[in-house]
Amino acid sequence: MAQEGPIPPSEPKVPLYQASTQCRNWRYSVNQLARIRAALNEAAVAVIRSTFEADEQGSSHDVSFLNADEEVLLVKLYITKITQLCGLFRFPEEVEATAITYLKRFYLKNTVMDWHPKNVMLTALFLATKTTNNPISLESYTTHIPNTAPNDVLDLEFLVAQSLGFEFAVWHAHRALWGIWLDMQANSSMYDKALSYIRASRLTDAELIYTPSQIALAAFSLTLPDIAEQWISSKSPNESTDLRRCIEEIVVLIETQGQPPKIESVREVDRRLKICKNPEKVVGSKAYLAKKREEERIAEEKRNRKAAEMQVEESDPFGTELAEKRRGLVDYDDDDDDDD
């Protein structure tokens, strides 16, 4: 009987969350988020200013462009609108949380000066109903939202999906909260209170910086600090110091930023956005029409090139390369003559 060799040591299993696209592609530090948003804002301002100047020299001098913080403030307002719409349609928690995540991620790739959050929010929520398996017909969705047509949602659907990298799965803190609550065996009223802190965290950058379980523990720390401390000591004794530090940071984030923005502040930002919005995105504007003409010119050139290539191929069904090689094939008629 052959002797079996030593069994190689198995590789350590990677936790599911760490193997997810969310952990790999949508986790940042505070400084990284600030740099990404500042870079997007600066690039958008440069493009829009150039567009203004191309239309009329000196027209951008008096324009008050939004800064990165003001963009975040406007997006925050439309996060609250998602919550309102979910209440109207009675969507489950999963849909609301997913739509909010989609909206935040979208504006890590785009700016509000290019795409207004109102339209993106509607598309993100509709997309979330599909990706979480809670579908609603487009007609039912749009007829219950004032001044909304089906095209307002569909026109941006591919752009939103593309900006998300077609990565639709989201790991949520409210699910982690449910698991921790079952383990703690706390009463349901305490769970509801902790869930309210989870919902408040959605108004912050917490999910872009911390793991769902860390956010859930922070919510319990705000609700049942003693029990949460005991749970941390028993479950993660070797990592308790780092975990407590993360929880403290999340608690501060929720307490300082987990409130809806003041309407007056957002109204002023939105008023300025109407002036500094990218004119190439405003249907009917000179810049919009010029861009459309350029896109049509490029598309026409592409079609002409394609047509020319097809004509060349049709002139020789074997193709040029194959035709050249065909000249070197053996002539079997000559072989027959030699045999005679």
Protein backbone atom coordinates (compact mmCIF):
# COMPACT_ATOMS: atom_id res chain seq x y z
CA MET A 1 0.00 0.00 0.00
CA ALA A 2 1.45 3.34 -1.01
CA GLN A 3 2.39 5.56 1.88
CA GLU A 4 0.60 8.86 1.85
CA GLY A 5 2.71 11.97 2.07
CA PRO A 6 2.24 14.67 4.65
CA ILE A 7 -0.93 16.69 4.24
CA PRO A 8 -0.01 20.24 3.22
CA PRO A 9 -1.23 22.91 5.61
CA SER A 10 -4.47 24.47 4.48
CA GLU A 11 -4.51 28.13 3.67
CA PRO A 12 -6.24 30.30 6.24
CA LYS A 13 -9.80 31.07 5.29
CA VAL A 14 -10.49 34.65 4.32
CA PRO A 15 -13.62 36.07 5.98
CA LEU A 16 -16.42 36.55 3.48
CA TYR A 17 -16.53 40.30 3.93
CA GLN A 18 -12.81 40.69 3.29
CA ALA A 19 -13.21 38.78 0.03
CA SER A 20 -16.08 41.01 -1.12
CA THR A 21 -15.91 43.76 -3.73
CA GLN A 22 -17.15 46.15 -1.07
CA CYS A 23 -14.05 45.56 1.05
CA ARG A 24 -11.69 45.63 -1.93
CA ASN A 25 -13.10 48.53 -3.91
CA TRP A 26 -15.30 50.67 -1.67
CA ARG A 27 -13.37 51.08 1.58
CA TYR A 28 -11.40 54.26 2.17
CA SER A 29 -9.69 56.28 4.83
CA VAL A 30 -10.98 59.71 5.77
CA ASN A 31 -8.09 61.33 3.90
CA GLN A 32 -8.68 59.21 0.79
CA LEU A 33 -12.32 60.27 0.65
CA ALA A 34 -11.33 63.91 0.98
CA ARG A 35 -8.76 63.60 -1.83
CA ILE A 36 -11.15 61.78 -4.16
CA ARG A 37 -13.90 64.35 -3.69
CA ALA A 38 -11.53 67.30 -3.99
CA ALA A 39 -10.03 65.90 -7.21
CA LEU A 40 -13.46 65.27 -8.74
CA ASN A 41 -14.60 68.75 -7.77
CA GLU A 42 -11.51 70.46 -9.17
CA ALA A 43 -11.72 68.54 -12.43
CA ALA A 44 -15.42 69.36 -12.86
CA VAL A 45 -14.87 73.06 -12.14
CA ALA A 46 -12.05 73.20 -14.70
CA VAL A 47 -14.18 71.57 -17.41
CA ILE A 48 -17.25 73.69 -16.71
CA ARG A 49 -15.21 76.89 -16.55
CA SER A 50 -13.64 76.03 -19.90
CA THR A 51 -17.08 75.36 -21.39
CA PHE A 52 -18.38 78.70 -20.15
CA GLU A 53 -15.36 80.50 -21.60
CA ALA A 54 -15.70 78.76 -24.95
CA ASP A 55 -19.27 80.01 -25.18
CA GLU A 56 -18.52 83.55 -24.01
CA GLN A 57 -15.15 84.94 -22.96
CA GLY A 58 -15.09 85.99 -19.30
CA SER A 59 -18.47 84.44 -18.50
CA SER A 60 -17.07 82.18 -15.76
CA HIS A 61 -15.43 84.92 -13.67
CA ASP A 62 -18.49 85.64 -11.54
CA VAL A 63 -19.69 82.05 -11.21
CA SER A 64 -19.59 80.69 -7.66
CA PHE A 65 -18.78 77.01 -8.15
CA LEU A 66 -19.59 74.44 -5.48
CA ASN A 67 -16.80 73.00 -3.38
CA ALA A 68 -16.49 69.35 -2.37
CA ASP A 69 -18.11 69.83 1.05
CA GLU A 70 -21.12 71.54 -0.51
CA GLU A 71 -21.52 68.66 -2.92
CA VAL A 72 -21.56 66.22 0.01
CA LEU A 73 -24.16 68.38 1.74
CA LEU A 74 -26.47 68.22 -1.27
CA VAL A 75 -26.07 64.46 -1.60
CA LYS A 76 -26.89 64.15 2.09
CA LEU A 77 -30.22 65.88 1.53
CA TYR A 78 -31.16 63.38 -1.14
CA ILE A 79 -30.22 60.51 1.14
CA THR A 80 -33.10 61.70 3.33
CA LYS A 81 -35.33 61.75 0.23
CA ILE A 82 -34.57 58.05 -0.31
CA THR A 83 -35.81 57.34 3.22
CA GLN A 84 -39.01 59.29 2.51
CA LEU A 85 -39.67 57.43 -0.73
CA CYS A 86 -39.03 54.07 0.90
CA GLY A 87 -41.64 54.97 3.49
CA LEU A 88 -44.07 55.92 0.70
CA PHE A 89 -43.58 52.64 -1.16
CA ARG A 90 -43.10 50.58 2.02
CA PHE A 91 -39.84 49.20 0.75
CA PRO A 92 -37.90 47.00 3.21
CA GLU A 93 -34.78 48.14 5.05
CA GLU A 94 -32.55 46.37 2.55
CA VAL A 95 -33.78 48.50 -0.36
CA GLU A 96 -33.32 51.76 1.51
CA ALA A 97 -29.83 50.91 2.73
CA THR A 98 -28.76 49.67 -0.71
CA ALA A 99 -30.06 52.74 -2.54
CA ILE A 100 -28.24 55.04 -0.12
CA THR A 101 -25.02 53.12 -0.68
CA TYR A 102 -25.44 53.35 -4.45
CA LEU A 103 -25.95 57.12 -4.21
CA LYS A 104 -22.81 57.59 -2.11
CA ARG A 105 -20.71 55.42 -4.39
CA PHE A 106 -21.96 57.20 -7.50
CA TYR A 107 -20.62 60.50 -6.18
CA LEU A 108 -17.21 59.01 -5.62
CA LYS A 109 -17.03 58.74 -9.42
CA ASN A 110 -19.08 61.79 -10.46
CA THR A 111 -20.00 65.26 -9.24
CA VAL A 112 -23.32 66.96 -8.61
CA MET A 113 -22.32 69.67 -11.09
CA ASP A 114 -22.54 67.04 -13.83
CA TRP A 115 -25.44 64.96 -12.51
CA HIS A 116 -28.03 66.38 -10.12
CA PRO A 117 -28.67 64.13 -7.09
CA LYS A 118 -32.43 64.30 -7.54
CA ASN A 119 -32.34 62.30 -10.78
CA VAL A 120 -29.55 60.01 -9.63
CA MET A 121 -31.39 59.30 -6.38
CA LEU A 122 -34.51 58.17 -8.22
CA THR A 123 -32.47 55.86 -10.45
CA ALA A 124 -30.40 54.49 -7.55
CA LEU A 125 -33.54 53.60 -5.61
CA PHE A 126 -35.20 51.95 -8.61
CA LEU A 127 -32.01 49.98 -9.29
CA ALA A 128 -31.86 48.90 -5.63
CA THR A 129 -35.37 47.44 -5.83
CA LYS A 130 -34.14 45.13 -8.58
CA THR A 131 -30.77 44.15 -7.13
CA THR A 132 -32.34 43.30 -3.75
CA ASN A 133 -35.12 41.27 -5.39
CA ASN A 134 -37.88 43.68 -4.41
CA PRO A 135 -38.95 44.76 -7.90
CA ILE A 136 -41.60 47.32 -8.75
CA SER A 137 -42.82 48.21 -12.23
CA LEU A 138 -41.42 51.40 -13.69
CA GLU A 139 -44.93 52.74 -14.25
CA SER A 140 -45.98 52.19 -10.64
CA TYR A 141 -42.74 53.73 -9.45
CA THR A 142 -42.88 56.91 -11.50
CA THR A 143 -46.62 57.57 -11.24
CA HIS A 144 -46.34 57.86 -7.45
CA ILE A 145 -43.49 60.41 -7.63
CA PRO A 146 -44.55 63.92 -8.68
CA ASN A 147 -43.08 65.37 -11.87
CA THR A 148 -41.29 62.14 -12.73
CA ALA A 149 -41.41 60.35 -16.09
CA PRO A 150 -40.06 56.86 -16.83
CA ASN A 151 -37.21 58.34 -18.88
CA ASP A 152 -36.05 60.33 -15.83
CA VAL A 153 -35.18 56.98 -14.26
CA LEU A 154 -34.11 54.92 -17.26
CA ASP A 155 -31.86 57.51 -18.88
CA LEU A 156 -29.39 57.31 -16.01
CA GLU A 157 -29.67 53.61 -15.16
CA PHE A 158 -26.68 52.47 -17.21
CA LEU A 159 -24.58 55.41 -16.02
CA VAL A 160 -25.35 54.59 -12.39
CA ALA A 161 -24.61 50.88 -12.89
CA GLN A 162 -21.38 51.72 -14.70
CA SER A 163 -20.29 54.12 -11.95
CA LEU A 164 -20.86 51.32 -9.44
CA GLY A 165 -18.56 49.11 -11.48
CA PHE A 166 -21.58 46.80 -11.85
CA GLU A 167 -20.90 45.74 -8.27
CA PHE A 168 -24.38 45.63 -6.80
CA ALA A 169 -23.92 43.47 -3.69
CA VAL A 170 -23.74 45.50 -0.47
CA TRP A 171 -22.88 44.35 3.04
CA HIS A 172 -25.04 46.31 5.46
CA ALA A 173 -24.63 47.28 9.10
CA HIS A 174 -28.28 46.55 9.92
CA ARG A 175 -27.71 42.88 9.09
CA ALA A 176 -24.66 42.76 11.32
CA LEU A 177 -26.73 44.45 14.01
CA TRP A 178 -29.34 41.70 13.80
CA GLY A 179 -26.72 38.99 14.27
CA ILE A 180 -25.09 40.73 17.24
CA TRP A 181 -28.49 41.36 18.82
CA LEU A 182 -29.38 37.67 18.57
CA ASP A 183 -26.07 36.81 20.21
CA MET A 184 -26.55 39.37 23.00
CA GLN A 185 -30.18 38.37 23.52
CA ALA A 186 -31.14 41.94 24.34
CA ASN A 187 -34.78 43.01 24.33
CA SER A 188 -36.45 44.21 21.15
CA SER A 189 -36.81 47.84 22.29
CA MET A 190 -33.03 48.08 22.59
CA TYR A 191 -32.68 46.63 19.11
CA ASP A 192 -34.99 49.28 17.68
CA LYS A 193 -32.99 52.00 19.39
CA ALA A 194 -29.72 50.59 18.04
CA LEU A 195 -31.28 50.39 14.57
CA SER A 196 -32.06 54.10 14.75
CA TYR A 197 -28.33 54.75 15.18
CA ILE A 198 -27.62 52.53 12.17
CA ARG A 199 -30.00 54.66 10.14
CA ALA A 200 -28.31 57.81 11.41
CA SER A 201 -24.94 56.40 10.32
CA ARG A 202 -26.21 56.30 6.73
CA LEU A 203 -26.09 60.10 6.72
CA THR A 204 -22.35 59.88 7.35
CA ASP A 205 -19.34 58.32 5.59
CA ALA A 206 -19.21 55.48 8.12
CA GLU A 207 -19.94 52.67 5.64
CA LEU A 208 -17.17 53.93 3.33
CA ILE A 209 -14.60 53.79 6.13
CA TYR A 210 -15.58 51.04 8.58
CA THR A 211 -16.91 47.48 8.37
CA PRO A 212 -20.62 46.71 8.89
CA SER A 213 -19.89 44.86 12.14
CA GLN A 214 -17.93 47.82 13.52
CA ILE A 215 -20.83 50.17 12.76
CA ALA A 216 -23.27 47.72 14.34
CA LEU A 217 -21.16 47.51 17.50
CA ALA A 218 -21.00 51.31 17.65
CA ALA A 219 -24.81 51.41 17.47
CA PHE A 220 -25.01 48.95 20.38
CA SER A 221 -22.41 50.94 22.30
CA LEU A 222 -24.68 53.96 22.04
CA THR A 223 -27.63 51.85 23.23
CA LEU A 224 -26.20 49.37 25.75
CA PRO A 225 -22.63 50.48 26.46
CA ASP A 226 -21.98 48.00 29.33
CA ILE A 227 -23.30 44.97 27.47
CA ALA A 228 -21.49 46.00 24.30
CA GLU A 229 -18.23 46.30 26.24
CA GLN A 230 -18.67 42.81 27.71
CA TRP A 231 -19.45 41.40 24.29
CA ILE A 232 -16.31 42.95 22.77
CA SER A 233 -14.13 41.61 25.59
CA SER A 234 -15.50 38.09 25.21
CA LYS A 235 -15.58 37.89 21.41
CA SER A 236 -12.46 39.83 20.41
CA PRO A 237 -10.05 39.91 23.36
CA ASN A 238 -6.96 40.19 21.14
CA GLU A 239 -8.35 43.01 19.02
CA SER A 240 -10.35 44.84 21.66
CA THR A 241 -8.09 47.93 21.74
CA ASP A 242 -8.27 48.61 18.00
CA LEU A 243 -11.96 47.72 17.93
CA ARG A 244 -12.78 50.13 20.74
CA ARG A 245 -10.91 52.89 18.94
CA CYS A 246 -12.93 52.28 15.75
CA ILE A 247 -16.16 52.22 17.72
CA GLU A 248 -15.34 55.52 19.40
CA GLU A 249 -14.65 57.11 16.01
CA ILE A 250 -17.96 55.83 14.62
CA VAL A 251 -19.85 57.06 17.68
CA VAL A 252 -18.40 60.55 17.20
CA LEU A 253 -19.30 60.40 13.49
CA ILE A 254 -22.91 59.44 14.24
CA GLU A 255 -23.32 62.03 16.98
CA THR A 256 -21.82 64.90 14.97
CA GLN A 257 -22.91 64.13 11.41
CA GLY A 258 -25.84 61.73 11.68
CA GLN A 259 -28.52 64.40 11.32
CA PRO A 260 -30.33 65.66 8.22
CA PRO A 261 -28.81 68.87 6.80
CA LYS A 262 -30.41 72.24 7.38
CA ILE A 263 -32.78 73.04 4.55
CA GLU A 264 -31.66 76.67 4.35
CA SER A 265 -28.05 75.68 3.75
CA VAL A 266 -28.95 73.13 1.12
CA ARG A 267 -31.34 75.49 -0.64
CA GLU A 268 -28.51 77.98 -1.13
CA VAL A 269 -26.24 75.26 -2.51
CA ASP A 270 -28.95 74.08 -4.88
CA ARG A 271 -29.57 77.65 -6.06
CA ARG A 272 -25.88 78.07 -6.94
CA LEU A 273 -25.84 74.66 -8.62
CA LYS A 274 -28.39 75.90 -11.16
CA ILE A 275 -25.84 78.52 -12.20
CA CYS A 276 -22.68 76.40 -12.18
CA LYS A 277 -24.13 73.15 -13.52
CA ASN A 278 -22.21 71.72 -16.46
CA PRO A 279 -23.95 73.24 -19.52
CA GLU A 280 -23.08 70.15 -21.55
CA LYS A 281 -25.59 68.26 -19.37
CA VAL A 282 -28.36 70.85 -19.74
CA VAL A 283 -30.66 69.76 -22.57
CA GLY A 284 -31.08 72.54 -25.16
CA SER A 285 -28.07 74.63 -24.13
CA LYS A 286 -25.46 75.67 -26.70
CA ALA A 287 -22.84 73.47 -25.09
CA TYR A 288 -25.24 70.52 -25.00
CA LEU A 289 -26.10 70.88 -28.68
CA ALA A 290 -22.44 71.33 -29.63
CA LYS A 291 -21.49 68.18 -27.73
CA LYS A 292 -24.31 66.25 -29.40
CA ARG A 293 -23.13 67.39 -32.82
CA GLU A 294 -19.59 66.28 -32.01
CA GLU A 295 -20.83 62.90 -30.78
CA GLU A 296 -22.87 62.47 -33.96
CA ARG A 297 -19.84 63.40 -36.10
CA ILE A 298 -17.67 60.83 -34.33
CA ALA A 299 -20.41 58.19 -34.65
CA GLU A 300 -20.79 58.95 -38.37
CA GLU A 301 -17.03 58.60 -38.93
CA LYS A 302 -17.10 55.29 -37.10
CA ARG A 303 -19.98 54.04 -39.25
CA ASN A 304 -18.17 55.12 -42.43
CA ARG A 305 -15.01 53.29 -41.39
CA LYS A 306 -17.02 50.20 -40.64
CA ALA A 307 -18.77 50.38 -44.01
CA ALA A 308 -15.42 50.77 -45.81
CA GLU A 309 -13.98 47.75 -44.00
CA MET A 310 -17.02 45.67 -44.95
CA GLN A 311 -16.64 46.65 -48.62
CA VAL A 312 -13.02 45.48 -48.61
CA GLU A 313 -14.03 42.16 -47.07
CA GLU A 314 -16.86 41.67 -49.57
CA SER A 315 -14.49 42.22 -52.55
CA ASP A 316 -12.71 38.97 -51.68
CA PRO A 317 -14.74 36.38 -49.75
CA PHE A 318 -11.53 34.65 -48.65
CA GLY A 319 -9.91 37.81 -47.27
CA THR A 320 -6.67 39.37 -48.44
CA GLU A 321 -4.34 37.28 -46.32
CA LEU A 322 -5.96 34.01 -47.28
CA ALA A 323 -5.95 34.97 -50.99
CA GLU A 324 -2.20 35.51 -50.90
CA LYS A 325 -1.62 32.19 -49.21
CA ARG A 326 -3.89 30.46 -51.74
CA ARG A 327 -1.36 31.11 -54.53
CA GLY A 328 1.04 28.74 -52.84
CA LEU A 329 -1.34 25.79 -52.68
CA VAL A 330 -0.52 22.57 -54.63
CA ASP A 331 -2.01 22.43 -58.12
CA TYR A 332 -3.45 18.92 -58.26
CA ASP A 333 -4.13 19.15 -62.04
CA ASP A 334 -0.39 19.50 -62.68
CA ASP A 335 0.29 16.47 -60.50
CA ASP A 336 -2.07 14.39 -62.61
CA ASP A 337 -0.31 15.44 -65.83
CA ASP A 338 3.08 14.43 -64.48
CA ASP A 339 1.78 10.98 -63.62
CA ASP A 340 0.78 10.51 -67.24
